[in-house]
Amino acid sequence: MIKKAFRMKLYAGYEQEYTRRHQEIWPEMRQMLKEQGAQSYSIFFDAQTNDLYGYLEIEDEQRWDQVASTAINQKWWHYMADIMETNSDDSPRTIDLKHVFDL
């Protein structure tokens, strides 16, 4: 199992909208994530900084790397681009976090 974590930035005032969209995540998006080897995927919000922290466990790095090129993921990025910091292709701006400890 490979553990990954990253940070993203939500625009101020969009926490409820971000939460709503994820509570209603499209079934085909959920299916694609599982097909690409996501065993678990959690996102946490820091209200003081508007930072989002993603944590996931995947089976295979190469398989996971294919997520970005799927049509459903591209559609999701476009759907989320109005409420968070993104790159020119609508992918969220992410900063990978270094794994330093397990219990």
PDB file of N, CA and C in Angstrom:
ATOM      1  N   MET A   1       0.841  -1.172   0.000  1.00  0.00           N
ATOM      2  CA  MET A   1       0.000   0.000   0.000  1.00  0.00           C
ATOM      3  C   MET A   1       0.893   1.244   0.000  1.00  0.00           C
ATOM      4  N   ILE A   2       0.600   2.180  -0.881  1.00  0.00           N
ATOM      5  CA  ILE A   2       1.351   3.424  -0.995  1.00  0.00           C
ATOM      6  C   ILE A   2       0.500   4.546  -0.404  1.00  0.00           C
ATOM      7  N   LYS A   3       1.088   5.313   0.501  1.00  0.00           N
ATOM      8  CA  LYS A   3       0.396   6.440   1.132  1.00  0.00           C
ATOM      9  C   LYS A   3       0.833   7.727   0.464  1.00  0.00           C
ATOM     10  N   LYS A   4      -0.156   8.570   0.159  1.00  0.00           N
ATOM     11  CA  LYS A   4       0.126   9.858  -0.478  1.00  0.00           C
ATOM     12  C   LYS A   4      -0.648  10.946   0.260  1.00  0.00           C
ATOM     13  N   ALA A   5      -0.053  12.114   0.346  1.00  0.00           N
ATOM     14  CA  ALA A   5      -0.738  13.259   0.950  1.00  0.00           C
ATOM     15  C   ALA A   5      -0.333  14.508   0.183  1.00  0.00           C
ATOM     16  N   PHE A   6      -1.247  15.470   0.139  1.00  0.00           N
ATOM     17  CA  PHE A   6      -0.989  16.696  -0.596  1.00  0.00           C
ATOM     18  C   PHE A   6      -1.855  17.818  -0.035  1.00  0.00           C
ATOM     19  N   ARG A   7      -1.467  19.046  -0.383  1.00  0.00           N
ATOM     20  CA  ARG A   7      -2.198  20.230   0.051  1.00  0.00           C
ATOM     21  C   ARG A   7      -2.723  20.973  -1.173  1.00  0.00           C
ATOM     22  N   MET A   8      -3.930  21.506  -1.045  1.00  0.00           N
ATOM     23  CA  MET A   8      -4.548  22.332  -2.077  1.00  0.00           C
ATOM     24  C   MET A   8      -5.106  23.582  -1.390  1.00  0.00           C
ATOM     25  N   LYS A   9      -5.591  24.527  -2.160  1.00  0.00           N
ATOM     26  CA  LYS A   9      -6.103  25.766  -1.589  1.00  0.00           C
ATOM     27  C   LYS A   9      -7.507  26.036  -2.114  1.00  0.00           C
ATOM     28  N   LEU A  10      -8.425  26.232  -1.173  1.00  0.00           N
ATOM     29  CA  LEU A  10      -9.811  26.572  -1.487  1.00  0.00           C
ATOM     30  C   LEU A  10      -9.959  28.083  -1.423  1.00  0.00           C
ATOM     31  N   TYR A  11     -10.731  28.665  -2.323  1.00  0.00           N
ATOM     32  CA  TYR A  11     -11.012  30.088  -2.233  1.00  0.00           C
ATOM     33  C   TYR A  11     -11.857  30.358  -0.995  1.00  0.00           C
ATOM     34  N   ALA A  12     -11.627  31.492  -0.364  1.00  0.00           N
ATOM     35  CA  ALA A  12     -12.351  31.858   0.856  1.00  0.00           C
ATOM     36  C   ALA A  12     -13.859  31.859   0.610  1.00  0.00           C
ATOM     37  N   GLY A  13     -14.589  31.337   1.573  1.00  0.00           N
ATOM     38  CA  GLY A  13     -16.042  31.345   1.516  1.00  0.00           C
ATOM     39  C   GLY A  13     -16.673  30.185   0.784  1.00  0.00           C
ATOM     40  N   TYR A  14     -15.890  29.208   0.347  1.00  0.00           N
ATOM     41  CA  TYR A  14     -16.423  28.102  -0.453  1.00  0.00           C
ATOM     42  C   TYR A  14     -16.401  26.748   0.254  1.00  0.00           C
ATOM     43  N   GLU A  15     -16.189  26.734   1.555  1.00  0.00           N
ATOM     44  CA  GLU A  15     -16.122  25.464   2.269  1.00  0.00           C
ATOM     45  C   GLU A  15     -17.417  24.664   2.121  1.00  0.00           C
ATOM     46  N   GLN A  16     -18.553  25.310   2.299  1.00  0.00           N
ATOM     47  CA  GLN A  16     -19.826  24.580   2.197  1.00  0.00           C
ATOM     48  C   GLN A  16     -20.057  24.048   0.790  1.00  0.00           C
ATOM     49  N   GLU A  17     -19.713  24.846  -0.206  1.00  0.00           N
ATOM     50  CA  GLU A  17     -19.899  24.399  -1.589  1.00  0.00           C
ATOM     51  C   GLU A  17     -18.962  23.234  -1.909  1.00  0.00           C
ATOM     52  N   TYR A  18     -17.724  23.328  -1.461  1.00  0.00           N
ATOM     53  CA  TYR A  18     -16.761  22.242  -1.671  1.00  0.00           C
ATOM     54  C   TYR A  18     -17.276  20.961  -1.023  1.00  0.00           C
ATOM     55  N   THR A  19     -17.747  21.084   0.210  1.00  0.00           N
ATOM     56  CA  THR A  19     -18.278  19.931   0.934  1.00  0.00           C
ATOM     57  C   THR A  19     -19.493  19.353   0.213  1.00  0.00           C
ATOM     58  N   ARG A  20     -20.402  20.215  -0.231  1.00  0.00           N
ATOM     59  CA  ARG A  20     -21.602  19.755  -0.934  1.00  0.00           C
ATOM     60  C   ARG A  20     -21.229  18.970  -2.191  1.00  0.00           C
ATOM     61  N   ARG A  21     -20.310  19.514  -2.965  1.00  0.00           N
ATOM     62  CA  ARG A  21     -19.924  18.838  -4.209  1.00  0.00           C
ATOM     63  C   ARG A  21     -19.308  17.463  -3.934  1.00  0.00           C
ATOM     64  N   HIS A  22     -18.567  17.356  -2.858  1.00  0.00           N
ATOM     65  CA  HIS A  22     -17.963  16.061  -2.546  1.00  0.00           C
ATOM     66  C   HIS A  22     -18.965  15.095  -1.914  1.00  0.00           C
ATOM     67  N   GLN A  23     -19.952  15.598  -1.226  1.00  0.00           N
ATOM     68  CA  GLN A  23     -21.005  14.719  -0.708  1.00  0.00           C
ATOM     69  C   GLN A  23     -21.837  14.142  -1.848  1.00  0.00           C
ATOM     70  N   GLU A  24     -21.864  14.865  -2.959  1.00  0.00           N
ATOM     71  CA  GLU A  24     -22.617  14.430  -4.137  1.00  0.00           C
ATOM     72  C   GLU A  24     -21.694  13.982  -5.265  1.00  0.00           C
ATOM     73  N   ILE A  25     -20.515  13.480  -4.898  1.00  0.00           N
ATOM     74  CA  ILE A  25     -19.544  13.084  -5.923  1.00  0.00           C
ATOM     75  C   ILE A  25     -20.210  12.124  -6.918  1.00  0.00           C
ATOM     76  N   TRP A  26     -19.912  12.331  -8.154  1.00  0.00           N
ATOM     77  CA  TRP A  26     -20.526  11.528  -9.208  1.00  0.00           C
ATOM     78  C   TRP A  26     -20.132  10.058  -9.064  1.00  0.00           C
ATOM     79  N   PRO A  27     -21.099   9.152  -9.260  1.00  0.00           N
ATOM     80  CA  PRO A  27     -20.792   7.716  -9.155  1.00  0.00           C
ATOM     81  C   PRO A  27     -19.668   7.284 -10.098  1.00  0.00           C
ATOM     82  N   GLU A  28     -19.630   7.846 -11.302  1.00  0.00           N
ATOM     83  CA  GLU A  28     -18.581   7.461 -12.242  1.00  0.00           C
ATOM     84  C   GLU A  28     -17.199   7.965 -11.809  1.00  0.00           C
ATOM     85  N   MET A  29     -17.158   9.063 -11.042  1.00  0.00           N
ATOM     86  CA  MET A  29     -15.891   9.544 -10.490  1.00  0.00           C
ATOM     87  C   MET A  29     -15.427   8.592  -9.387  1.00  0.00           C
ATOM     88  N   ARG A  30     -16.325   8.222  -8.515  1.00  0.00           N
ATOM     89  CA  ARG A  30     -16.013   7.280  -7.437  1.00  0.00           C
ATOM     90  C   ARG A  30     -15.521   5.951  -8.033  1.00  0.00           C
ATOM     91  N   GLN A  31     -16.198   5.465  -9.063  1.00  0.00           N
ATOM     92  CA  GLN A  31     -15.825   4.205  -9.707  1.00  0.00           C
ATOM     93  C   GLN A  31     -14.432   4.293 -10.324  1.00  0.00           C
ATOM     94  N   MET A  32     -14.153   5.404 -11.019  1.00  0.00           N
ATOM     95  CA  MET A  32     -12.844   5.564 -11.649  1.00  0.00           C
ATOM     96  C   MET A  32     -11.733   5.551 -10.604  1.00  0.00           C
ATOM     97  N   LEU A  33     -11.930   6.241  -9.479  1.00  0.00           N
ATOM     98  CA  LEU A  33     -10.907   6.272  -8.428  1.00  0.00           C
ATOM     99  C   LEU A  33     -10.612   4.871  -7.913  1.00  0.00           C
ATOM    100  N   LYS A  34     -11.653   4.100  -7.714  1.00  0.00           N
ATOM    101  CA  LYS A  34     -11.458   2.718  -7.239  1.00  0.00           C
ATOM    102  C   LYS A  34     -10.776   1.863  -8.307  1.00  0.00           C
ATOM    103  N   GLU A  35     -11.182   2.041  -9.569  1.00  0.00           N
ATOM    104  CA  GLU A  35     -10.567   1.283 -10.658  1.00  0.00           C
ATOM    105  C   GLU A  35      -9.085   1.607 -10.800  1.00  0.00           C
ATOM    106  N   GLN A  36      -8.690   2.822 -10.447  1.00  0.00           N
ATOM    107  CA  GLN A  36      -7.287   3.230 -10.551  1.00  0.00           C
ATOM    108  C   GLN A  36      -6.505   2.895  -9.283  1.00  0.00           C
ATOM    109  N   GLY A  37      -7.135   2.176  -8.362  1.00  0.00           N
ATOM    110  CA  GLY A  37      -6.408   1.637  -7.232  1.00  0.00           C
ATOM    111  C   GLY A  37      -6.487   2.419  -5.933  1.00  0.00           C
ATOM    112  N   ALA A  38      -7.388   3.398  -5.836  1.00  0.00           N
ATOM    113  CA  ALA A  38      -7.550   4.117  -4.571  1.00  0.00           C
ATOM    114  C   ALA A  38      -8.259   3.212  -3.575  1.00  0.00           C
ATOM    115  N   GLN A  39      -7.595   2.899  -2.478  1.00  0.00           N
ATOM    116  CA  GLN A  39      -8.182   2.078  -1.425  1.00  0.00           C
ATOM    117  C   GLN A  39      -8.913   2.952  -0.410  1.00  0.00           C
ATOM    118  N   SER A  40      -8.386   4.126  -0.172  1.00  0.00           N
ATOM    119  CA  SER A  40      -9.034   5.112   0.690  1.00  0.00           C
ATOM    120  C   SER A  40      -8.614   6.492   0.204  1.00  0.00           C
ATOM    121  N   TYR A  41      -9.488   7.463   0.429  1.00  0.00           N
ATOM    122  CA  TYR A  41      -9.204   8.829  -0.020  1.00  0.00           C
ATOM    123  C   TYR A  41      -9.975   9.756   0.912  1.00  0.00           C
ATOM    124  N   SER A  42      -9.260  10.602   1.622  1.00  0.00           N
ATOM    125  CA  SER A  42      -9.872  11.547   2.548  1.00  0.00           C
ATOM    126  C   SER A  42      -9.339  12.937   2.271  1.00  0.00           C
ATOM    127  N   ILE A  43     -10.180  13.942   2.498  1.00  0.00           N
ATOM    128  CA  ILE A  43      -9.774  15.338   2.363  1.00  0.00           C
ATOM    129  C   ILE A  43     -10.187  16.069   3.633  1.00  0.00           C
ATOM    130  N   PHE A  44      -9.276  16.859   4.166  1.00  0.00           N
ATOM    131  CA  PHE A  44      -9.506  17.631   5.380  1.00  0.00           C
ATOM    132  C   PHE A  44      -9.372  19.110   5.065  1.00  0.00           C
ATOM    133  N   PHE A  45     -10.109  19.953   5.794  1.00  0.00           N
ATOM    134  CA  PHE A  45     -10.128  21.399   5.558  1.00  0.00           C
ATOM    135  C   PHE A  45      -9.612  22.139   6.784  1.00  0.00           C
ATOM    136  N   ASP A  46      -8.713  23.102   6.570  1.00  0.00           N
ATOM    137  CA  ASP A  46      -8.215  23.981   7.630  1.00  0.00           C
ATOM    138  C   ASP A  46      -8.868  25.351   7.442  1.00  0.00           C
ATOM    139  N   ALA A  47      -9.828  25.684   8.300  1.00  0.00           N
ATOM    140  CA  ALA A  47     -10.600  26.923   8.169  1.00  0.00           C
ATOM    141  C   ALA A  47      -9.749  28.165   8.376  1.00  0.00           C
ATOM    142  N   GLN A  48      -8.637  28.067   9.074  1.00  0.00           N
ATOM    143  CA  GLN A  48      -7.789  29.235   9.301  1.00  0.00           C
ATOM    144  C   GLN A  48      -7.006  29.634   8.063  1.00  0.00           C
ATOM    145  N   THR A  49      -6.697  28.671   7.210  1.00  0.00           N
ATOM    146  CA  THR A  49      -5.857  28.949   6.042  1.00  0.00           C
ATOM    147  C   THR A  49      -6.550  28.684   4.707  1.00  0.00           C
ATOM    148  N   ASN A  50      -7.718  28.066   4.739  1.00  0.00           N
ATOM    149  CA  ASN A  50      -8.424  27.591   3.540  1.00  0.00           C
ATOM    150  C   ASN A  50      -7.659  26.503   2.800  1.00  0.00           C
ATOM    151  N   ASP A  51      -6.745  25.848   3.504  1.00  0.00           N
ATOM    152  CA  ASP A  51      -6.015  24.734   2.905  1.00  0.00           C
ATOM    153  C   ASP A  51      -6.847  23.459   2.994  1.00  0.00           C
ATOM    154  N   LEU A  52      -6.736  22.665   1.957  1.00  0.00           N
ATOM    155  CA  LEU A  52      -7.321  21.333   1.897  1.00  0.00           C
ATOM    156  C   LEU A  52      -6.164  20.346   1.941  1.00  0.00           C
ATOM    157  N   TYR A  53      -6.299  19.313   2.754  1.00  0.00           N
ATOM    158  CA  TYR A  53      -5.273  18.285   2.854  1.00  0.00           C
ATOM    159  C   TYR A  53      -5.870  16.968   2.388  1.00  0.00           C
ATOM    160  N   GLY A  54      -5.302  16.426   1.334  1.00  0.00           N
ATOM    161  CA  GLY A  54      -5.756  15.150   0.815  1.00  0.00           C
ATOM    162  C   GLY A  54      -4.849  14.037   1.278  1.00  0.00           C
ATOM    163  N   TYR A  55      -5.449  12.908   1.643  1.00  0.00           N
ATOM    164  CA  TYR A  55      -4.696  11.719   2.027  1.00  0.00           C
ATOM    165  C   TYR A  55      -5.323  10.526   1.313  1.00  0.00           C
ATOM    166  N   LEU A  56      -4.491   9.730   0.656  1.00  0.00           N
ATOM    167  CA  LEU A  56      -5.015   8.544   0.004  1.00  0.00           C
ATOM    168  C   LEU A  56      -4.031   7.396   0.091  1.00  0.00           C
ATOM    169  N   GLU A  57      -4.585   6.220  -0.037  1.00  0.00           N
ATOM    170  CA  GLU A  57      -3.801   5.002  -0.095  1.00  0.00           C
ATOM    171  C   GLU A  57      -4.105   4.346  -1.431  1.00  0.00           C
ATOM    172  N   ILE A  58      -3.043   4.056  -2.164  1.00  0.00           N
ATOM    173  CA  ILE A  58      -3.188   3.488  -3.508  1.00  0.00           C
ATOM    174  C   ILE A  58      -2.419   2.185  -3.612  1.00  0.00           C
ATOM    175  N   GLU A  59      -2.753   1.432  -4.650  1.00  0.00           N
ATOM    176  CA  GLU A  59      -2.099   0.145  -4.875  1.00  0.00           C
ATOM    177  C   GLU A  59      -0.830   0.270  -5.705  1.00  0.00           C
ATOM    178  N   ASP A  60      -0.855   1.173  -6.695  1.00  0.00           N
ATOM    179  CA  ASP A  60       0.232   1.235  -7.665  1.00  0.00           C
ATOM    180  C   ASP A  60       0.379   2.669  -8.180  1.00  0.00           C
ATOM    181  N   GLU A  61       1.581   3.189  -8.130  1.00  0.00           N
ATOM    182  CA  GLU A  61       1.844   4.580  -8.538  1.00  0.00           C
ATOM    183  C   GLU A  61       1.570   4.794 -10.029  1.00  0.00           C
ATOM    184  N   GLN A  62       1.996   3.883 -10.883  1.00  0.00           N
ATOM    185  CA  GLN A  62       1.782   4.039 -12.327  1.00  0.00           C
ATOM    186  C   GLN A  62       0.299   4.034 -12.665  1.00  0.00           C
ATOM    187  N   ARG A  63      -0.426   3.150 -12.042  1.00  0.00           N
ATOM    188  CA  ARG A  63      -1.881   3.091 -12.270  1.00  0.00           C
ATOM    189  C   ARG A  63      -2.536   4.378 -11.801  1.00  0.00           C
ATOM    190  N   TRP A  64      -2.128   4.881 -10.644  1.00  0.00           N
ATOM    191  CA  TRP A  64      -2.699   6.104 -10.113  1.00  0.00           C
ATOM    192  C   TRP A  64      -2.400   7.299 -11.021  1.00  0.00           C
ATOM    193  N   ASP A  65      -1.228   7.321 -11.611  1.00  0.00           N
ATOM    194  CA  ASP A  65      -0.844   8.433 -12.494  1.00  0.00           C
ATOM    195  C   ASP A  65      -1.779   8.568 -13.691  1.00  0.00           C
ATOM    196  N   GLN A  66      -2.509   7.523 -14.029  1.00  0.00           N
ATOM    197  CA  GLN A  66      -3.439   7.566 -15.162  1.00  0.00           C
ATOM    198  C   GLN A  66      -4.730   8.326 -14.845  1.00  0.00           C
ATOM    199  N   VAL A  67      -4.993   8.591 -13.567  1.00  0.00           N
ATOM    200  CA  VAL A  67      -6.211   9.297 -13.156  1.00  0.00           C
ATOM    201  C   VAL A  67      -6.335  10.636 -13.878  1.00  0.00           C
ATOM    202  N   ALA A  68      -5.246  11.386 -13.942  1.00  0.00           N
ATOM    203  CA  ALA A  68      -5.286  12.735 -14.515  1.00  0.00           C
ATOM    204  C   ALA A  68      -5.786  12.757 -15.956  1.00  0.00           C
ATOM    205  N   SER A  69      -5.541  11.712 -16.704  1.00  0.00           N
ATOM    206  CA  SER A  69      -5.906  11.704 -18.120  1.00  0.00           C
ATOM    207  C   SER A  69      -7.296  11.139 -18.400  1.00  0.00           C
ATOM    208  N   THR A  70      -8.013  10.690 -17.379  1.00  0.00           N
ATOM    209  CA  THR A  70      -9.352  10.156 -17.627  1.00  0.00           C
ATOM    210  C   THR A  70     -10.339  11.286 -17.912  1.00  0.00           C
ATOM    211  N   ALA A  71     -11.301  11.010 -18.748  1.00  0.00           N
ATOM    212  CA  ALA A  71     -12.300  12.022 -19.121  1.00  0.00           C
ATOM    213  C   ALA A  71     -13.104  12.482 -17.910  1.00  0.00           C
ATOM    214  N   ILE A  72     -13.459  11.563 -17.019  1.00  0.00           N
ATOM    215  CA  ILE A  72     -14.263  11.948 -15.858  1.00  0.00           C
ATOM    216  C   ILE A  72     -13.457  12.829 -14.917  1.00  0.00           C
ATOM    217  N   ASN A  73     -12.169  12.570 -14.771  1.00  0.00           N
ATOM    218  CA  ASN A  73     -11.344  13.414 -13.913  1.00  0.00           C
ATOM    219  C   ASN A  73     -11.198  14.812 -14.503  1.00  0.00           C
ATOM    220  N   GLN A  74     -11.021  14.897 -15.803  1.00  0.00           N
ATOM    221  CA  GLN A  74     -10.913  16.206 -16.462  1.00  0.00           C
ATOM    222  C   GLN A  74     -12.212  17.002 -16.269  1.00  0.00           C
ATOM    223  N   LYS A  75     -13.329  16.309 -16.371  1.00  0.00           N
ATOM    224  CA  LYS A  75     -14.632  16.944 -16.150  1.00  0.00           C
ATOM    225  C   LYS A  75     -14.743  17.433 -14.704  1.00  0.00           C
ATOM    226  N   TRP A  76     -14.294  16.627 -13.737  1.00  0.00           N
ATOM    227  CA  TRP A  76     -14.331  17.009 -12.317  1.00  0.00           C
ATOM    228  C   TRP A  76     -13.459  18.230 -12.061  1.00  0.00           C
ATOM    229  N   TRP A  77     -12.257  18.243 -12.639  1.00  0.00           N
ATOM    230  CA  TRP A  77     -11.381  19.403 -12.466  1.00  0.00           C
ATOM    231  C   TRP A  77     -12.074  20.673 -12.952  1.00  0.00           C
ATOM    232  N   HIS A  78     -12.706  20.607 -14.100  1.00  0.00           N
ATOM    233  CA  HIS A  78     -13.402  21.783 -14.639  1.00  0.00           C
ATOM    234  C   HIS A  78     -14.538  22.203 -13.710  1.00  0.00           C
ATOM    235  N   TYR A  79     -15.253  21.246 -13.178  1.00  0.00           N
ATOM    236  CA  TYR A  79     -16.363  21.495 -12.258  1.00  0.00           C
ATOM    237  C   TYR A  79     -15.894  22.185 -10.978  1.00  0.00           C
ATOM    238  N   MET A  80     -14.703  21.867 -10.513  1.00  0.00           N
ATOM    239  CA  MET A  80     -14.195  22.404  -9.255  1.00  0.00           C
ATOM    240  C   MET A  80     -13.377  23.685  -9.427  1.00  0.00           C
ATOM    241  N   ALA A  81     -13.011  24.037 -10.643  1.00  0.00           N
ATOM    242  CA  ALA A  81     -12.071  25.139 -10.885  1.00  0.00           C
ATOM    243  C   ALA A  81     -12.561  26.501 -10.396  1.00  0.00           C
ATOM    244  N   ASP A  82     -13.861  26.692 -10.260  1.00  0.00           N
ATOM    245  CA  ASP A  82     -14.366  28.001  -9.841  1.00  0.00           C
ATOM    246  C   ASP A  82     -14.257  28.249  -8.340  1.00  0.00           C
ATOM    247  N   ILE A  83     -13.902  27.220  -7.560  1.00  0.00           N
ATOM    248  CA  ILE A  83     -13.878  27.409  -6.109  1.00  0.00           C
ATOM    249  C   ILE A  83     -12.517  27.129  -5.467  1.00  0.00           C
ATOM    250  N   MET A  84     -11.503  26.826  -6.293  1.00  0.00           N
ATOM    251  CA  MET A  84     -10.185  26.540  -5.711  1.00  0.00           C
ATOM    252  C   MET A  84      -9.074  26.948  -6.667  1.00  0.00           C
ATOM    253  N   GLU A  85      -7.878  27.078  -6.126  1.00  0.00           N
ATOM    254  CA  GLU A  85      -6.733  27.432  -6.960  1.00  0.00           C
ATOM    255  C   GLU A  85      -6.420  26.281  -7.910  1.00  0.00           C
ATOM    256  N   THR A  86      -6.257  26.616  -9.189  1.00  0.00           N
ATOM    257  CA  THR A  86      -5.996  25.594 -10.198  1.00  0.00           C
ATOM    258  C   THR A  86      -4.884  26.028 -11.139  1.00  0.00           C
ATOM    259  N   ASN A  87      -4.387  25.068 -11.888  1.00  0.00           N
ATOM    260  CA  ASN A  87      -3.436  25.318 -12.966  1.00  0.00           C
ATOM    261  C   ASN A  87      -4.218  25.655 -14.232  1.00  0.00           C
ATOM    262  N   SER A  88      -3.514  25.972 -15.299  1.00  0.00           N
ATOM    263  CA  SER A  88      -4.169  26.376 -16.549  1.00  0.00           C
ATOM    264  C   SER A  88      -5.045  25.276 -17.155  1.00  0.00           C
ATOM    265  N   ASP A  89      -4.785  24.012 -16.818  1.00  0.00           N
ATOM    266  CA  ASP A  89      -5.606  22.900 -17.330  1.00  0.00           C
ATOM    267  C   ASP A  89      -6.746  22.541 -16.367  1.00  0.00           C
ATOM    268  N   ASP A  90      -7.009  23.398 -15.394  1.00  0.00           N
ATOM    269  CA  ASP A  90      -8.032  23.227 -14.356  1.00  0.00           C
ATOM    270  C   ASP A  90      -7.660  22.199 -13.290  1.00  0.00           C
ATOM    271  N   SER A  91      -6.501  21.573 -13.381  1.00  0.00           N
ATOM    272  CA  SER A  91      -6.084  20.668 -12.313  1.00  0.00           C
ATOM    273  C   SER A  91      -5.819  21.498 -11.056  1.00  0.00           C
ATOM    274  N   PRO A  92      -6.135  20.952  -9.892  1.00  0.00           N
ATOM    275  CA  PRO A  92      -5.884  21.717  -8.672  1.00  0.00           C
ATOM    276  C   PRO A  92      -4.380  21.913  -8.459  1.00  0.00           C
ATOM    277  N   ARG A  93      -4.015  23.092  -7.984  1.00  0.00           N
ATOM    278  CA  ARG A  93      -2.624  23.310  -7.593  1.00  0.00           C
ATOM    279  C   ARG A  93      -2.378  22.505  -6.335  1.00  0.00           C
ATOM    280  N   THR A  94      -1.456  21.589  -6.419  1.00  0.00           N
ATOM    281  CA  THR A  94      -1.181  20.725  -5.280  1.00  0.00           C
ATOM    282  C   THR A  94       0.287  20.809  -4.882  1.00  0.00           C
ATOM    283  N   ILE A  95       0.509  20.608  -3.608  1.00  0.00           N
ATOM    284  CA  ILE A  95       1.857  20.494  -3.072  1.00  0.00           C
ATOM    285  C   ILE A  95       1.904  19.137  -2.372  1.00  0.00           C
ATOM    286  N   ASP A  96       2.771  18.261  -2.845  1.00  0.00           N
ATOM    287  CA  ASP A  96       2.913  16.950  -2.226  1.00  0.00           C
ATOM    288  C   ASP A  96       3.523  17.122  -0.841  1.00  0.00           C
ATOM    289  N   LEU A  97       3.033  16.334   0.094  1.00  0.00           N
ATOM    290  CA  LEU A  97       3.533  16.352   1.462  1.00  0.00           C
ATOM    291  C   LEU A  97       4.392  15.118   1.699  1.00  0.00           C
ATOM    292  N   LYS A  98       5.479  15.306   2.414  1.00  0.00           N
ATOM    293  CA  LYS A  98       6.415  14.211   2.686  1.00  0.00           C
ATOM    294  C   LYS A  98       5.907  13.373   3.853  1.00  0.00           C
ATOM    295  N   HIS A  99       5.871  12.091   3.643  1.00  0.00           N
ATOM    296  CA  HIS A  99       5.467  11.131   4.672  1.00  0.00           C
ATOM    297  C   HIS A  99       6.631  10.960   5.648  1.00  0.00           C
ATOM    298  N   VAL A 100       6.407  11.267   6.938  1.00  0.00           N
ATOM    299  CA  VAL A 100       7.494  11.212   7.898  1.00  0.00           C
ATOM    300  C   VAL A 100       7.247  10.296   9.097  1.00  0.00           C
ATOM    301  N   PHE A 101       6.001   9.807   9.282  1.00  0.00           N
ATOM    302  CA  PHE A 101       5.767   9.003  10.479  1.00  0.00           C
ATOM    303  C   PHE A 101       4.536   8.120  10.310  1.00  0.00           C
ATOM    304  N   ASP A 102       4.611   6.929  10.889  1.00  0.00           N
ATOM    305  CA  ASP A 102       3.491   5.997  11.016  1.00  0.00           C
ATOM    306  C   ASP A 102       3.522   5.413  12.412  1.00  0.00           C
ATOM    307  N   LEU A 103       2.364   5.101  12.930  1.00  0.00           N
ATOM    308  CA  LEU A 103       2.267   4.391  14.214  1.00  0.00           C
ATOM    309  C   LEU A 103       1.676   3.020  13.953  1.00  0.00           C
TER     310      LEU A 103
END
